Amino acid sequence: MRYKIKITKDKKPFCEVSIENNDHKTRDEILTLALARFPTVEGFSREILFSDDEVRYLKSTPTGIEVLAVQPIYQPRNEL
C-alpha cells in the first residue's frame, strides 16, 4: 500500500509527500509524522490518498516478462 499526501497552504499547492513502504506499522508511523509536520492549525490543508491497487505495464520477451512501469491507483482517505 502507498500513501500520497497533497499539502496546500492558503489554497496554493505547497508540496506532496509520497510514502511507499510495505511494513504496515512503519508506513502508518510515517504518515502520522508527515501530518504532524503540516498541522491544520497553521493553515495547511491536507488531502490523504492511498493506493492498494496498481496498473502494471508489461513487456513479454523470449526470456520472460519485464515490468516496464507501475502506476498506482489512488483513492481518497479520511484524515487520521
N, C-alpha and C. Protein backbone atom coordinates (compact mmCIF):
# COMPACT_ATOMS: atom_id res chain seq x y z
N MET A 1 0.84 -1.17 0.00
CA MET A 1 0.00 0.00 0.00
C MET A 1 0.89 1.24 0.00
N ARG A 2 0.40 2.27 -0.67
CA ARG A 2 1.11 3.54 -0.75
C ARG A 2 0.20 4.66 -0.27
N TYR A 3 0.82 5.70 0.26
CA TYR A 3 0.09 6.91 0.62
C TYR A 3 0.67 8.08 -0.16
N LYS A 4 -0.18 9.03 -0.47
CA LYS A 4 0.25 10.30 -1.03
C LYS A 4 -0.52 11.38 -0.27
N ILE A 5 0.19 12.39 0.20
CA ILE A 5 -0.44 13.50 0.90
C ILE A 5 -0.21 14.75 0.07
N LYS A 6 -1.29 15.37 -0.38
CA LYS A 6 -1.20 16.64 -1.09
C LYS A 6 -1.43 17.75 -0.07
N ILE A 7 -0.46 18.64 0.05
CA ILE A 7 -0.50 19.68 1.07
C ILE A 7 -0.59 21.04 0.38
N THR A 8 -1.54 21.84 0.84
CA THR A 8 -1.70 23.19 0.33
C THR A 8 -1.69 24.16 1.51
N LYS A 9 -1.36 25.40 1.21
CA LYS A 9 -1.42 26.47 2.22
C LYS A 9 -1.94 27.71 1.51
N ASP A 10 -2.93 28.33 2.11
CA ASP A 10 -3.59 29.50 1.51
C ASP A 10 -4.11 29.17 0.12
N LYS A 11 -4.66 27.97 -0.03
CA LYS A 11 -5.25 27.49 -1.29
C LYS A 11 -4.24 27.41 -2.44
N LYS A 12 -2.95 27.34 -2.09
CA LYS A 12 -1.89 27.19 -3.10
C LYS A 12 -1.15 25.89 -2.84
N PRO A 13 -0.79 25.15 -3.90
CA PRO A 13 -0.03 23.92 -3.70
C PRO A 13 1.27 24.20 -2.95
N PHE A 14 1.54 23.41 -1.93
CA PHE A 14 2.76 23.58 -1.13
C PHE A 14 3.73 22.44 -1.42
N CYS A 15 3.27 21.19 -1.24
CA CYS A 15 4.13 20.04 -1.55
C CYS A 15 3.29 18.76 -1.57
N GLU A 16 3.92 17.69 -2.01
CA GLU A 16 3.33 16.35 -1.97
C GLU A 16 4.31 15.44 -1.24
N VAL A 17 3.76 14.58 -0.40
CA VAL A 17 4.57 13.60 0.31
C VAL A 17 4.13 12.23 -0.16
N SER A 18 5.05 11.43 -0.65
CA SER A 18 4.75 10.06 -1.06
C SER A 18 5.36 9.09 -0.06
N ILE A 19 4.56 8.12 0.37
CA ILE A 19 5.03 7.11 1.31
C ILE A 19 4.85 5.75 0.66
N GLU A 20 5.96 5.08 0.41
CA GLU A 20 5.93 3.75 -0.18
C GLU A 20 6.69 2.82 0.74
N ASN A 21 5.94 2.01 1.47
CA ASN A 21 6.54 1.12 2.46
C ASN A 21 5.62 -0.07 2.65
N ASN A 22 6.14 -1.26 2.59
CA ASN A 22 5.31 -2.46 2.73
C ASN A 22 5.00 -2.82 4.18
N ASP A 23 5.74 -2.27 5.11
CA ASP A 23 5.52 -2.57 6.52
C ASP A 23 4.40 -1.67 7.05
N HIS A 24 3.25 -2.27 7.39
CA HIS A 24 2.06 -1.51 7.78
C HIS A 24 2.33 -0.58 8.95
N LYS A 25 2.98 -1.05 9.99
CA LYS A 25 3.22 -0.24 11.18
C LYS A 25 4.11 0.95 10.87
N THR A 26 5.21 0.72 10.17
CA THR A 26 6.13 1.80 9.82
C THR A 26 5.46 2.80 8.89
N ARG A 27 4.70 2.32 7.93
CA ARG A 27 4.01 3.19 6.97
C ARG A 27 3.06 4.13 7.71
N ASP A 28 2.29 3.61 8.65
CA ASP A 28 1.35 4.44 9.40
C ASP A 28 2.07 5.42 10.32
N GLU A 29 3.21 5.02 10.87
CA GLU A 29 4.00 5.95 11.70
C GLU A 29 4.53 7.11 10.85
N ILE A 30 4.98 6.81 9.65
CA ILE A 30 5.49 7.85 8.75
C ILE A 30 4.35 8.78 8.35
N LEU A 31 3.17 8.24 8.09
CA LEU A 31 2.01 9.05 7.75
C LEU A 31 1.67 10.00 8.89
N THR A 32 1.64 9.50 10.10
CA THR A 32 1.34 10.33 11.28
C THR A 32 2.39 11.42 11.45
N LEU A 33 3.65 11.08 11.26
CA LEU A 33 4.74 12.06 11.37
C LEU A 33 4.61 13.15 10.30
N ALA A 34 4.31 12.75 9.08
CA ALA A 34 4.17 13.73 7.99
C ALA A 34 3.01 14.68 8.26
N LEU A 35 1.90 14.16 8.75
CA LEU A 35 0.74 15.01 9.05
C LEU A 35 1.05 15.96 10.19
N ALA A 36 1.84 15.52 11.17
CA ALA A 36 2.20 16.39 12.30
C ALA A 36 3.08 17.55 11.84
N ARG A 37 3.85 17.36 10.78
CA ARG A 37 4.74 18.42 10.28
C ARG A 37 3.98 19.54 9.59
N PHE A 38 2.75 19.27 9.15
CA PHE A 38 1.94 20.25 8.43
C PHE A 38 0.56 20.35 9.08
N PRO A 39 0.48 20.93 10.29
CA PRO A 39 -0.78 20.96 11.03
C PRO A 39 -1.81 21.94 10.43
N THR A 40 -3.06 21.58 10.54
CA THR A 40 -4.13 22.43 10.03
C THR A 40 -4.23 23.73 10.82
N VAL A 41 -3.84 23.72 12.08
CA VAL A 41 -3.90 24.95 12.89
C VAL A 41 -2.93 26.02 12.39
N GLU A 42 -1.95 25.62 11.59
CA GLU A 42 -1.01 26.57 10.99
C GLU A 42 -1.41 26.93 9.56
N GLY A 43 -2.62 26.56 9.17
CA GLY A 43 -3.14 26.95 7.86
C GLY A 43 -2.92 25.96 6.74
N PHE A 44 -2.38 24.79 7.04
CA PHE A 44 -2.17 23.78 6.00
C PHE A 44 -3.47 22.99 5.76
N SER A 45 -3.73 22.67 4.51
CA SER A 45 -4.80 21.74 4.14
C SER A 45 -4.13 20.50 3.62
N ARG A 46 -4.67 19.33 4.00
CA ARG A 46 -4.04 18.06 3.59
C ARG A 46 -5.09 17.14 2.98
N GLU A 47 -4.74 16.59 1.84
CA GLU A 47 -5.58 15.58 1.19
C GLU A 47 -4.79 14.27 1.22
N ILE A 48 -5.33 13.28 1.90
CA ILE A 48 -4.65 12.00 2.02
C ILE A 48 -5.24 11.03 0.98
N LEU A 49 -4.37 10.45 0.19
CA LEU A 49 -4.76 9.46 -0.81
C LEU A 49 -4.02 8.17 -0.49
N PHE A 50 -4.65 7.03 -0.79
CA PHE A 50 -3.97 5.75 -0.62
C PHE A 50 -4.17 4.91 -1.87
N SER A 51 -3.25 4.00 -2.05
CA SER A 51 -3.31 3.09 -3.19
C SER A 51 -3.03 1.67 -2.71
N ASP A 52 -3.98 0.79 -2.94
CA ASP A 52 -3.72 -0.62 -2.69
C ASP A 52 -3.89 -1.43 -3.98
N ASP A 53 -3.89 -0.68 -5.09
CA ASP A 53 -4.01 -1.30 -6.41
C ASP A 53 -3.13 -0.52 -7.37
N GLU A 54 -2.75 -1.16 -8.46
CA GLU A 54 -1.88 -0.50 -9.42
C GLU A 54 -2.08 -1.09 -10.80
N VAL A 55 -1.69 -0.32 -11.79
CA VAL A 55 -1.67 -0.77 -13.17
C VAL A 55 -0.21 -1.05 -13.50
N ARG A 56 0.04 -2.21 -14.06
CA ARG A 56 1.40 -2.56 -14.46
C ARG A 56 1.47 -2.69 -15.98
N TYR A 57 2.50 -2.08 -16.54
CA TYR A 57 2.75 -2.19 -17.97
C TYR A 57 3.87 -3.20 -18.16
N LEU A 58 3.56 -4.26 -18.92
CA LEU A 58 4.48 -5.38 -19.05
C LEU A 58 4.99 -5.52 -20.48
N LYS A 59 6.13 -6.17 -20.58
CA LYS A 59 6.73 -6.47 -21.88
C LYS A 59 7.10 -7.95 -21.87
N SER A 60 6.65 -8.65 -22.87
CA SER A 60 6.97 -10.06 -22.99
C SER A 60 8.22 -10.22 -23.86
N THR A 61 9.20 -10.95 -23.34
CA THR A 61 10.44 -11.19 -24.08
C THR A 61 10.65 -12.71 -24.17
N PRO A 62 11.56 -13.14 -24.98
CA PRO A 62 11.83 -14.58 -25.07
C PRO A 62 12.30 -15.18 -23.73
N THR A 63 12.87 -14.35 -22.86
CA THR A 63 13.38 -14.86 -21.58
C THR A 63 12.40 -14.67 -20.42
N GLY A 64 11.27 -14.02 -20.69
CA GLY A 64 10.29 -13.84 -19.62
C GLY A 64 9.53 -12.53 -19.77
N ILE A 65 8.93 -12.10 -18.68
CA ILE A 65 8.13 -10.88 -18.68
C ILE A 65 8.86 -9.81 -17.87
N GLU A 66 8.90 -8.61 -18.42
CA GLU A 66 9.53 -7.48 -17.74
C GLU A 66 8.46 -6.47 -17.37
N VAL A 67 8.60 -5.86 -16.20
CA VAL A 67 7.72 -4.76 -15.80
C VAL A 67 8.33 -3.47 -16.31
N LEU A 68 7.61 -2.78 -17.19
CA LEU A 68 8.10 -1.54 -17.76
C LEU A 68 7.75 -0.34 -16.87
N ALA A 69 6.56 -0.37 -16.27
CA ALA A 69 6.13 0.75 -15.43
C ALA A 69 5.03 0.27 -14.49
N VAL A 70 4.94 0.97 -13.37
CA VAL A 70 3.89 0.71 -12.39
C VAL A 70 3.22 2.04 -12.09
N GLN A 71 1.88 2.07 -12.21
CA GLN A 71 1.14 3.30 -11.94
C GLN A 71 0.12 3.02 -10.84
N PRO A 72 0.35 3.58 -9.63
CA PRO A 72 -0.60 3.38 -8.54
C PRO A 72 -1.95 4.02 -8.85
N ILE A 73 -3.01 3.41 -8.35
CA ILE A 73 -4.35 3.95 -8.46
C ILE A 73 -4.73 4.48 -7.09
N TYR A 74 -4.76 5.80 -6.94
CA TYR A 74 -5.00 6.43 -5.65
C TYR A 74 -6.48 6.71 -5.43
N GLN A 75 -6.90 6.59 -4.17
CA GLN A 75 -8.26 6.88 -3.74
C GLN A 75 -8.18 7.79 -2.51
N PRO A 76 -9.19 8.64 -2.30
CA PRO A 76 -9.18 9.50 -1.12
C PRO A 76 -9.29 8.69 0.17
N ARG A 77 -8.69 9.17 1.23
CA ARG A 77 -8.80 8.58 2.56
C ARG A 77 -9.11 9.69 3.56
N ASN A 78 -9.86 9.38 4.56
CA ASN A 78 -10.20 10.36 5.59
C ASN A 78 -8.97 10.69 6.41
N GLU A 79 -8.95 11.89 7.00
CA GLU A 79 -7.87 12.29 7.91
C GLU A 79 -7.82 11.33 9.09
N LEU A 80 -6.64 11.20 9.69
CA LEU A 80 -6.48 10.39 10.89
C LEU A 80 -7.02 11.11 12.08
